[in-house]
N, C-alpha and C. Protein backbone atom coordinates (compact mmCIF):
# COMPACT_ATOMS: atom_id res chain seq x y z
N UNK A 1 -46.84 -0.25 -36.58
CA UNK A 1 -45.97 -1.01 -35.73
C UNK A 1 -46.10 -0.51 -34.30
N UNK A 2 -46.18 -1.41 -33.37
CA UNK A 2 -46.34 -1.06 -31.97
C UNK A 2 -44.96 -0.93 -31.33
N UNK A 3 -44.74 0.16 -30.63
CA UNK A 3 -43.46 0.30 -29.95
C UNK A 3 -43.69 0.18 -28.45
N UNK A 4 -43.05 -0.79 -27.86
CA UNK A 4 -43.17 -1.02 -26.43
C UNK A 4 -41.98 -0.38 -25.73
N UNK A 5 -42.21 0.17 -24.55
CA UNK A 5 -41.06 0.75 -23.83
C UNK A 5 -40.10 -0.37 -23.44
N UNK A 6 -38.83 -0.09 -23.64
CA UNK A 6 -37.82 -1.08 -23.28
C UNK A 6 -37.41 -0.89 -21.83
N UNK A 7 -37.37 -1.97 -21.12
CA UNK A 7 -36.84 -1.90 -19.77
C UNK A 7 -35.38 -2.29 -19.85
N UNK A 8 -34.56 -1.49 -19.26
CA UNK A 8 -33.13 -1.77 -19.33
C UNK A 8 -32.69 -2.49 -18.06
N UNK A 9 -32.02 -3.58 -18.27
CA UNK A 9 -31.46 -4.32 -17.15
C UNK A 9 -30.11 -3.69 -16.80
N UNK A 10 -29.88 -3.53 -15.54
CA UNK A 10 -28.59 -3.01 -15.10
C UNK A 10 -27.68 -4.20 -14.86
N UNK A 11 -26.50 -4.17 -15.45
CA UNK A 11 -25.55 -5.26 -15.33
C UNK A 11 -25.11 -5.42 -13.87
N UNK A 12 -25.00 -6.64 -13.37
CA UNK A 12 -24.57 -6.86 -11.98
C UNK A 12 -23.26 -6.17 -11.62
N UNK A 13 -22.33 -6.09 -12.57
CA UNK A 13 -21.05 -5.40 -12.31
C UNK A 13 -21.29 -3.93 -12.01
N UNK A 14 -22.22 -3.31 -12.75
CA UNK A 14 -22.54 -1.91 -12.52
C UNK A 14 -23.19 -1.70 -11.15
N UNK A 15 -24.05 -2.62 -10.76
CA UNK A 15 -24.67 -2.55 -9.44
C UNK A 15 -23.59 -2.62 -8.36
N UNK A 16 -22.66 -3.57 -8.53
CA UNK A 16 -21.57 -3.71 -7.57
C UNK A 16 -20.66 -2.50 -7.53
N UNK A 17 -20.38 -1.92 -8.69
CA UNK A 17 -19.55 -0.70 -8.73
C UNK A 17 -20.22 0.44 -8.00
N UNK A 18 -21.54 0.58 -8.18
CA UNK A 18 -22.27 1.64 -7.50
C UNK A 18 -22.23 1.44 -5.98
N UNK A 19 -22.38 0.20 -5.55
CA UNK A 19 -22.32 -0.08 -4.11
C UNK A 19 -20.93 0.20 -3.55
N UNK A 20 -19.89 -0.18 -4.30
CA UNK A 20 -18.53 0.09 -3.86
C UNK A 20 -18.30 1.59 -3.72
N UNK A 21 -18.77 2.36 -4.69
CA UNK A 21 -18.61 3.82 -4.61
C UNK A 21 -19.36 4.40 -3.41
N UNK A 22 -20.56 3.91 -3.15
CA UNK A 22 -21.34 4.40 -2.01
C UNK A 22 -20.63 4.09 -0.70
N UNK A 23 -20.10 2.87 -0.58
CA UNK A 23 -19.37 2.49 0.64
C UNK A 23 -18.11 3.34 0.77
N UNK A 24 -17.39 3.53 -0.33
CA UNK A 24 -16.17 4.35 -0.28
C UNK A 24 -16.47 5.78 0.14
N UNK A 25 -17.53 6.36 -0.38
CA UNK A 25 -17.91 7.72 0.01
C UNK A 25 -18.25 7.78 1.50
N UNK A 26 -19.02 6.81 1.98
CA UNK A 26 -19.38 6.79 3.40
C UNK A 26 -18.14 6.62 4.28
N UNK A 27 -17.21 5.75 3.87
CA UNK A 27 -15.98 5.56 4.63
C UNK A 27 -15.15 6.84 4.67
N UNK A 28 -15.07 7.52 3.53
CA UNK A 28 -14.30 8.77 3.46
C UNK A 28 -14.94 9.83 4.36
N UNK A 29 -16.27 9.91 4.30
CA UNK A 29 -16.98 10.87 5.16
C UNK A 29 -16.82 10.54 6.64
N UNK A 30 -16.62 9.25 6.95
CA UNK A 30 -16.42 8.82 8.33
C UNK A 30 -14.99 9.07 8.81
N UNK A 31 -14.11 9.56 7.92
CA UNK A 31 -12.77 9.94 8.32
C UNK A 31 -11.67 8.97 7.95
N UNK A 32 -11.98 7.91 7.23
CA UNK A 32 -10.96 6.96 6.81
C UNK A 32 -10.24 7.46 5.57
N UNK A 33 -8.95 7.13 5.45
CA UNK A 33 -8.22 7.30 4.20
C UNK A 33 -8.41 6.00 3.44
N UNK A 34 -8.50 6.07 2.12
CA UNK A 34 -8.80 4.90 1.31
C UNK A 34 -7.66 4.56 0.37
N UNK A 35 -7.40 3.29 0.22
CA UNK A 35 -6.44 2.79 -0.76
C UNK A 35 -7.21 1.79 -1.63
N UNK A 36 -7.02 1.88 -2.93
CA UNK A 36 -7.73 1.01 -3.86
C UNK A 36 -6.72 0.10 -4.54
N UNK A 37 -6.96 -1.23 -4.50
CA UNK A 37 -6.02 -2.15 -5.13
C UNK A 37 -6.05 -2.03 -6.65
N UNK A 38 -4.94 -2.32 -7.27
CA UNK A 38 -4.84 -2.29 -8.72
C UNK A 38 -5.26 -3.65 -9.26
N UNK A 39 -6.15 -3.68 -10.23
CA UNK A 39 -6.57 -4.93 -10.86
C UNK A 39 -7.87 -5.46 -10.29
N UNK A 40 -8.33 -6.54 -10.88
CA UNK A 40 -9.62 -7.12 -10.53
C UNK A 40 -9.52 -8.38 -9.70
N UNK A 41 -8.33 -8.90 -9.47
CA UNK A 41 -8.22 -10.21 -8.86
C UNK A 41 -7.87 -10.20 -7.38
N UNK A 42 -8.23 -9.16 -6.66
CA UNK A 42 -8.03 -9.15 -5.23
C UNK A 42 -9.33 -9.55 -4.55
N UNK A 43 -9.23 -10.10 -3.36
CA UNK A 43 -10.43 -10.53 -2.63
C UNK A 43 -11.06 -9.38 -1.88
N UNK A 44 -10.48 -8.19 -1.92
CA UNK A 44 -11.05 -7.02 -1.26
C UNK A 44 -11.15 -5.89 -2.27
N UNK A 45 -12.04 -4.94 -1.98
CA UNK A 45 -12.29 -3.84 -2.91
C UNK A 45 -11.59 -2.55 -2.52
N UNK A 46 -11.33 -2.38 -1.24
CA UNK A 46 -10.71 -1.15 -0.75
C UNK A 46 -9.99 -1.47 0.56
N UNK A 47 -8.96 -0.69 0.84
CA UNK A 47 -8.26 -0.79 2.13
C UNK A 47 -8.50 0.52 2.86
N UNK A 48 -8.86 0.42 4.13
CA UNK A 48 -9.07 1.63 4.92
C UNK A 48 -7.89 1.83 5.87
N UNK A 49 -7.57 3.10 6.04
CA UNK A 49 -6.47 3.50 6.91
C UNK A 49 -7.06 4.45 7.94
N UNK A 50 -7.03 4.04 9.21
CA UNK A 50 -7.57 4.89 10.27
C UNK A 50 -6.48 5.72 10.95
N UNK A 51 -5.27 5.72 10.37
CA UNK A 51 -4.15 6.45 10.95
C UNK A 51 -3.27 5.57 11.81
N UNK A 52 -3.78 4.40 12.19
CA UNK A 52 -3.04 3.47 13.03
C UNK A 52 -2.79 2.15 12.33
N UNK A 53 -3.81 1.67 11.63
CA UNK A 53 -3.67 0.38 10.95
C UNK A 53 -4.45 0.36 9.64
N UNK A 54 -4.13 -0.62 8.82
CA UNK A 54 -4.82 -0.83 7.55
C UNK A 54 -5.76 -2.02 7.70
N UNK A 55 -6.91 -1.96 7.02
CA UNK A 55 -7.86 -3.07 7.06
C UNK A 55 -8.49 -3.25 5.67
N UNK A 56 -8.69 -4.50 5.27
CA UNK A 56 -9.25 -4.83 3.96
C UNK A 56 -10.78 -4.90 4.04
N UNK A 57 -11.43 -4.30 3.04
CA UNK A 57 -12.89 -4.24 3.01
C UNK A 57 -13.39 -4.84 1.70
N UNK A 58 -14.30 -5.80 1.81
CA UNK A 58 -15.00 -6.36 0.65
C UNK A 58 -16.37 -5.70 0.59
N UNK A 59 -16.68 -5.05 -0.53
CA UNK A 59 -17.96 -4.34 -0.66
C UNK A 59 -19.02 -5.24 -1.28
N UNK A 60 -20.22 -5.13 -0.75
CA UNK A 60 -21.36 -5.93 -1.21
C UNK A 60 -22.59 -5.05 -1.33
N UNK A 61 -23.52 -5.49 -2.16
CA UNK A 61 -24.82 -4.83 -2.27
C UNK A 61 -25.80 -5.58 -1.39
N UNK A 62 -26.44 -4.85 -0.49
CA UNK A 62 -27.46 -5.46 0.36
C UNK A 62 -28.84 -5.21 -0.23
N UNK A 63 -29.76 -6.08 0.09
CA UNK A 63 -31.15 -5.95 -0.35
C UNK A 63 -32.04 -6.00 0.88
N UNK A 64 -33.02 -5.12 0.95
CA UNK A 64 -33.94 -5.08 2.07
C UNK A 64 -34.98 -6.19 1.89
N UNK A 65 -34.97 -7.16 2.79
CA UNK A 65 -35.89 -8.29 2.74
C UNK A 65 -36.43 -8.56 4.14
N UNK A 66 -37.75 -8.49 4.28
CA UNK A 66 -38.41 -8.82 5.55
C UNK A 66 -37.81 -8.09 6.75
N UNK A 67 -37.56 -6.80 6.59
CA UNK A 67 -37.06 -5.99 7.70
C UNK A 67 -35.57 -6.11 7.97
N UNK A 68 -34.82 -6.71 7.04
CA UNK A 68 -33.38 -6.87 7.24
C UNK A 68 -32.64 -6.61 5.93
N UNK A 69 -31.43 -6.08 6.06
CA UNK A 69 -30.54 -5.94 4.91
C UNK A 69 -29.82 -7.28 4.78
N UNK A 70 -30.00 -7.94 3.64
CA UNK A 70 -29.41 -9.26 3.39
C UNK A 70 -28.30 -9.09 2.36
N UNK A 71 -27.16 -9.72 2.61
CA UNK A 71 -26.04 -9.64 1.67
C UNK A 71 -25.23 -10.92 1.70
N UNK A 72 -24.52 -11.18 0.60
CA UNK A 72 -23.69 -12.39 0.48
C UNK A 72 -22.40 -12.23 1.25
N UNK A 73 -21.98 -13.30 1.91
CA UNK A 73 -20.69 -13.29 2.61
C UNK A 73 -19.72 -14.30 1.99
N UNK A 74 -20.01 -14.68 0.74
CA UNK A 74 -19.11 -15.55 0.00
C UNK A 74 -19.25 -15.22 -1.48
N UNK A 75 -18.27 -15.64 -2.25
CA UNK A 75 -18.31 -15.49 -3.70
C UNK A 75 -18.85 -16.78 -4.29
N UNK A 76 -19.57 -16.66 -5.40
CA UNK A 76 -20.13 -17.82 -6.08
C UNK A 76 -19.42 -18.02 -7.41
N UNK A 77 -19.04 -19.26 -7.67
CA UNK A 77 -18.34 -19.59 -8.90
C UNK A 77 -19.13 -20.58 -9.76
N UNK A 78 -20.41 -20.76 -9.46
CA UNK A 78 -21.23 -21.73 -10.18
C UNK A 78 -21.36 -21.40 -11.66
N UNK A 79 -21.21 -20.13 -12.02
CA UNK A 79 -21.34 -19.72 -13.42
C UNK A 79 -20.09 -20.04 -14.25
N UNK A 80 -19.00 -20.41 -13.60
CA UNK A 80 -17.78 -20.78 -14.31
C UNK A 80 -17.89 -22.21 -14.82
N UNK A 81 -17.29 -22.50 -15.96
CA UNK A 81 -17.29 -23.88 -16.43
C UNK A 81 -16.41 -24.76 -15.52
N UNK A 82 -16.93 -25.84 -15.06
CA UNK A 82 -16.23 -26.81 -14.21
C UNK A 82 -15.52 -26.15 -13.02
N UNK A 83 -16.26 -25.45 -12.16
CA UNK A 83 -15.60 -24.83 -11.01
C UNK A 83 -15.13 -25.88 -10.01
N UNK A 84 -13.99 -25.64 -9.38
CA UNK A 84 -13.49 -26.55 -8.34
C UNK A 84 -14.32 -26.43 -7.07
N UNK A 85 -14.71 -25.20 -6.77
CA UNK A 85 -15.60 -24.95 -5.63
C UNK A 85 -16.73 -24.06 -6.11
N UNK A 86 -17.90 -24.24 -5.52
CA UNK A 86 -19.06 -23.43 -5.90
C UNK A 86 -19.06 -22.10 -5.13
N UNK A 87 -18.75 -22.17 -3.84
CA UNK A 87 -18.71 -20.97 -3.00
C UNK A 87 -17.37 -20.87 -2.30
N UNK A 88 -16.94 -19.62 -2.12
CA UNK A 88 -15.67 -19.37 -1.43
C UNK A 88 -15.88 -18.24 -0.44
N UNK A 89 -15.57 -18.49 0.84
CA UNK A 89 -15.75 -17.44 1.84
C UNK A 89 -14.54 -16.51 1.87
N UNK A 90 -14.61 -15.51 2.72
CA UNK A 90 -13.56 -14.48 2.78
C UNK A 90 -12.72 -14.58 4.06
N UNK A 91 -12.84 -15.65 4.82
CA UNK A 91 -12.10 -15.80 6.07
C UNK A 91 -10.60 -15.66 5.82
N UNK A 92 -9.95 -14.79 6.58
CA UNK A 92 -8.52 -14.58 6.46
C UNK A 92 -8.12 -13.69 5.29
N UNK A 93 -9.09 -13.28 4.48
CA UNK A 93 -8.78 -12.46 3.31
C UNK A 93 -9.34 -11.05 3.38
N UNK A 94 -10.32 -10.82 4.24
CA UNK A 94 -10.83 -9.47 4.46
C UNK A 94 -11.04 -9.28 5.96
N UNK A 95 -11.10 -8.02 6.36
CA UNK A 95 -11.33 -7.69 7.76
C UNK A 95 -12.76 -7.20 8.00
N UNK A 96 -13.34 -6.59 6.96
CA UNK A 96 -14.69 -6.02 7.06
C UNK A 96 -15.47 -6.28 5.78
N UNK A 97 -16.77 -6.25 5.92
CA UNK A 97 -17.66 -6.13 4.77
C UNK A 97 -18.21 -4.71 4.79
N UNK A 98 -18.13 -4.04 3.67
CA UNK A 98 -18.78 -2.75 3.49
C UNK A 98 -20.03 -3.02 2.66
N UNK A 99 -21.19 -2.70 3.18
CA UNK A 99 -22.45 -3.03 2.51
C UNK A 99 -23.24 -1.77 2.24
N UNK A 100 -23.68 -1.62 1.00
CA UNK A 100 -24.58 -0.53 0.63
C UNK A 100 -25.93 -1.14 0.28
N UNK A 101 -26.98 -0.60 0.87
CA UNK A 101 -28.34 -1.06 0.57
C UNK A 101 -29.08 0.07 -0.14
N UNK A 102 -29.40 -0.10 -1.43
CA UNK A 102 -30.10 0.96 -2.17
C UNK A 102 -31.46 1.32 -1.56
N UNK A 103 -32.16 0.34 -0.97
CA UNK A 103 -33.49 0.62 -0.42
C UNK A 103 -33.42 1.50 0.84
N UNK A 104 -32.40 1.33 1.66
CA UNK A 104 -32.26 2.17 2.86
C UNK A 104 -31.37 3.38 2.59
N UNK A 105 -30.63 3.32 1.47
CA UNK A 105 -29.66 4.36 1.09
C UNK A 105 -28.59 4.55 2.16
N UNK A 106 -28.27 3.47 2.84
CA UNK A 106 -27.28 3.52 3.90
C UNK A 106 -26.14 2.54 3.61
N UNK A 107 -24.97 2.89 4.15
CA UNK A 107 -23.80 2.03 4.06
C UNK A 107 -23.46 1.54 5.46
N UNK A 108 -22.96 0.32 5.51
CA UNK A 108 -22.66 -0.33 6.78
C UNK A 108 -21.25 -0.93 6.71
N UNK A 109 -20.54 -0.92 7.83
CA UNK A 109 -19.21 -1.51 7.93
C UNK A 109 -19.27 -2.57 9.03
N UNK A 110 -19.11 -3.85 8.64
CA UNK A 110 -19.30 -4.95 9.57
C UNK A 110 -18.01 -5.77 9.64
N UNK A 111 -17.45 -5.94 10.84
CA UNK A 111 -16.28 -6.81 10.97
C UNK A 111 -16.65 -8.24 10.57
N UNK A 112 -15.77 -8.90 9.83
CA UNK A 112 -16.07 -10.26 9.40
C UNK A 112 -16.25 -11.18 10.61
N UNK A 113 -15.60 -10.88 11.72
CA UNK A 113 -15.73 -11.69 12.92
C UNK A 113 -17.15 -11.67 13.49
N UNK A 114 -17.94 -10.65 13.14
CA UNK A 114 -19.32 -10.54 13.63
C UNK A 114 -20.31 -11.32 12.78
N UNK A 115 -19.84 -11.94 11.71
CA UNK A 115 -20.75 -12.56 10.74
C UNK A 115 -20.58 -14.07 10.68
N UNK A 116 -21.65 -14.75 10.29
CA UNK A 116 -21.54 -16.21 10.09
C UNK A 116 -20.77 -16.50 8.81
N UNK A 117 -20.13 -17.64 8.77
CA UNK A 117 -19.44 -18.05 7.55
C UNK A 117 -20.41 -18.97 6.79
N UNK A 118 -21.46 -18.36 6.28
CA UNK A 118 -22.45 -19.09 5.52
C UNK A 118 -22.65 -18.36 4.20
N UNK A 119 -23.74 -18.60 3.57
CA UNK A 119 -24.01 -17.97 2.28
C UNK A 119 -24.36 -16.49 2.41
N UNK A 120 -25.21 -16.15 3.37
CA UNK A 120 -25.66 -14.76 3.52
C UNK A 120 -25.64 -14.33 4.99
N UNK A 121 -25.69 -13.01 5.17
CA UNK A 121 -25.80 -12.44 6.52
C UNK A 121 -26.91 -11.40 6.49
N UNK A 122 -27.38 -11.03 7.67
CA UNK A 122 -28.48 -10.08 7.79
C UNK A 122 -28.18 -9.03 8.84
N UNK A 123 -28.61 -7.80 8.54
CA UNK A 123 -28.59 -6.71 9.50
C UNK A 123 -30.05 -6.28 9.68
N UNK A 124 -30.55 -6.35 10.88
CA UNK A 124 -31.95 -6.01 11.13
C UNK A 124 -32.15 -4.50 11.05
N UNK A 125 -33.08 -4.07 10.20
CA UNK A 125 -33.48 -2.67 10.11
C UNK A 125 -34.64 -2.45 11.06
N UNK A 126 -35.61 -3.36 11.03
CA UNK A 126 -36.77 -3.33 11.93
C UNK A 126 -36.50 -4.29 13.08
N UNK A 127 -37.00 -3.93 14.25
CA UNK A 127 -36.88 -4.83 15.39
C UNK A 127 -37.72 -6.09 15.12
N UNK A 128 -37.24 -7.24 15.55
CA UNK A 128 -38.02 -8.47 15.34
C UNK A 128 -39.37 -8.39 16.05
N UNK A 129 -40.40 -8.92 15.42
CA UNK A 129 -41.75 -8.88 16.01
C UNK A 129 -41.83 -9.68 17.30
N UNK A 130 -41.00 -10.70 17.44
CA UNK A 130 -41.03 -11.51 18.66
C UNK A 130 -40.11 -10.97 19.75
N UNK A 131 -39.53 -9.78 19.53
CA UNK A 131 -38.63 -9.11 20.46
C UNK A 131 -37.35 -9.90 20.75
N UNK A 132 -36.98 -10.79 19.87
CA UNK A 132 -35.73 -11.53 20.03
C UNK A 132 -34.57 -10.56 20.03
N UNK A 133 -33.60 -10.78 20.91
CA UNK A 133 -32.44 -9.91 21.00
C UNK A 133 -31.12 -10.66 20.79
N UNK A 134 -31.11 -11.95 21.15
CA UNK A 134 -29.88 -12.74 20.99
C UNK A 134 -29.64 -13.04 19.52
N UNK A 135 -28.37 -12.99 19.14
CA UNK A 135 -27.91 -13.28 17.78
C UNK A 135 -28.57 -12.40 16.72
N UNK A 136 -28.97 -11.19 17.11
CA UNK A 136 -29.53 -10.22 16.17
C UNK A 136 -28.48 -9.13 15.96
N UNK A 137 -28.20 -8.82 14.70
CA UNK A 137 -27.30 -7.72 14.37
C UNK A 137 -28.16 -6.57 13.88
N UNK A 138 -28.20 -5.48 14.65
CA UNK A 138 -28.99 -4.32 14.26
C UNK A 138 -28.19 -3.47 13.27
N UNK A 139 -28.84 -3.08 12.19
CA UNK A 139 -28.18 -2.28 11.15
C UNK A 139 -27.62 -0.98 11.72
N UNK A 140 -28.33 -0.37 12.65
CA UNK A 140 -27.86 0.91 13.21
C UNK A 140 -26.51 0.78 13.92
N UNK A 141 -26.20 -0.40 14.43
CA UNK A 141 -24.91 -0.61 15.11
C UNK A 141 -23.73 -0.57 14.15
N UNK A 142 -23.99 -0.77 12.85
CA UNK A 142 -22.92 -0.85 11.86
C UNK A 142 -22.98 0.28 10.82
N UNK A 143 -23.94 1.16 10.93
CA UNK A 143 -24.13 2.20 9.93
C UNK A 143 -22.98 3.20 9.94
N UNK A 144 -22.47 3.52 8.73
CA UNK A 144 -21.39 4.49 8.63
C UNK A 144 -21.78 5.71 7.81
N UNK A 145 -22.91 5.65 7.10
CA UNK A 145 -23.30 6.81 6.33
C UNK A 145 -24.52 6.58 5.47
N UNK A 146 -25.08 7.69 5.02
CA UNK A 146 -26.23 7.65 4.13
C UNK A 146 -25.83 8.32 2.82
N UNK A 147 -26.06 7.60 1.73
CA UNK A 147 -25.63 8.07 0.42
C UNK A 147 -26.74 7.77 -0.58
N UNK A 148 -26.92 8.66 -1.53
CA UNK A 148 -27.84 8.40 -2.63
C UNK A 148 -27.03 8.17 -3.89
N UNK A 149 -27.16 6.98 -4.43
CA UNK A 149 -26.48 6.62 -5.67
C UNK A 149 -27.56 6.12 -6.61
N UNK A 150 -27.91 6.92 -7.57
CA UNK A 150 -29.01 6.59 -8.49
C UNK A 150 -28.47 5.94 -9.76
N UNK A 151 -29.18 4.94 -10.27
CA UNK A 151 -28.78 4.39 -11.57
C UNK A 151 -29.04 5.39 -12.68
N UNK A 152 -28.34 5.22 -13.81
CA UNK A 152 -28.56 6.14 -14.92
C UNK A 152 -30.00 6.04 -15.43
N UNK A 153 -30.53 7.16 -15.90
CA UNK A 153 -31.91 7.18 -16.38
C UNK A 153 -32.06 6.55 -17.72
């Protein structure tokens, strides 16, 4: 009998949990106090306290694509039976996106006001080849920390 090595798929929830932990660690290292909501049905993953005010943060996993960290800025409900809406944005429900990119091993904190209300947003890691500067969000402007979060072996 031939035994083939099994490749294990990592569940999307586990990927998201790892990203949330990486963002939380970077936020803590940056000096924020953290509050975590109870339950799964909040539109934000963590609340940050800078000593003056509280702000809601939605954590996302970014992927390095063509020199930019790409991440979703809306939730998708297409997998639900008979969804009323397919996509739902976070306007008025979060103040920041906390993004962890496993490929760069960096976490970013981006005000929602700096982002488009579309399906995805991008943070440029590499400078554009055409030297475009307008409407470019550089990842370094939003970086809050570098963290290594490895999946289980």
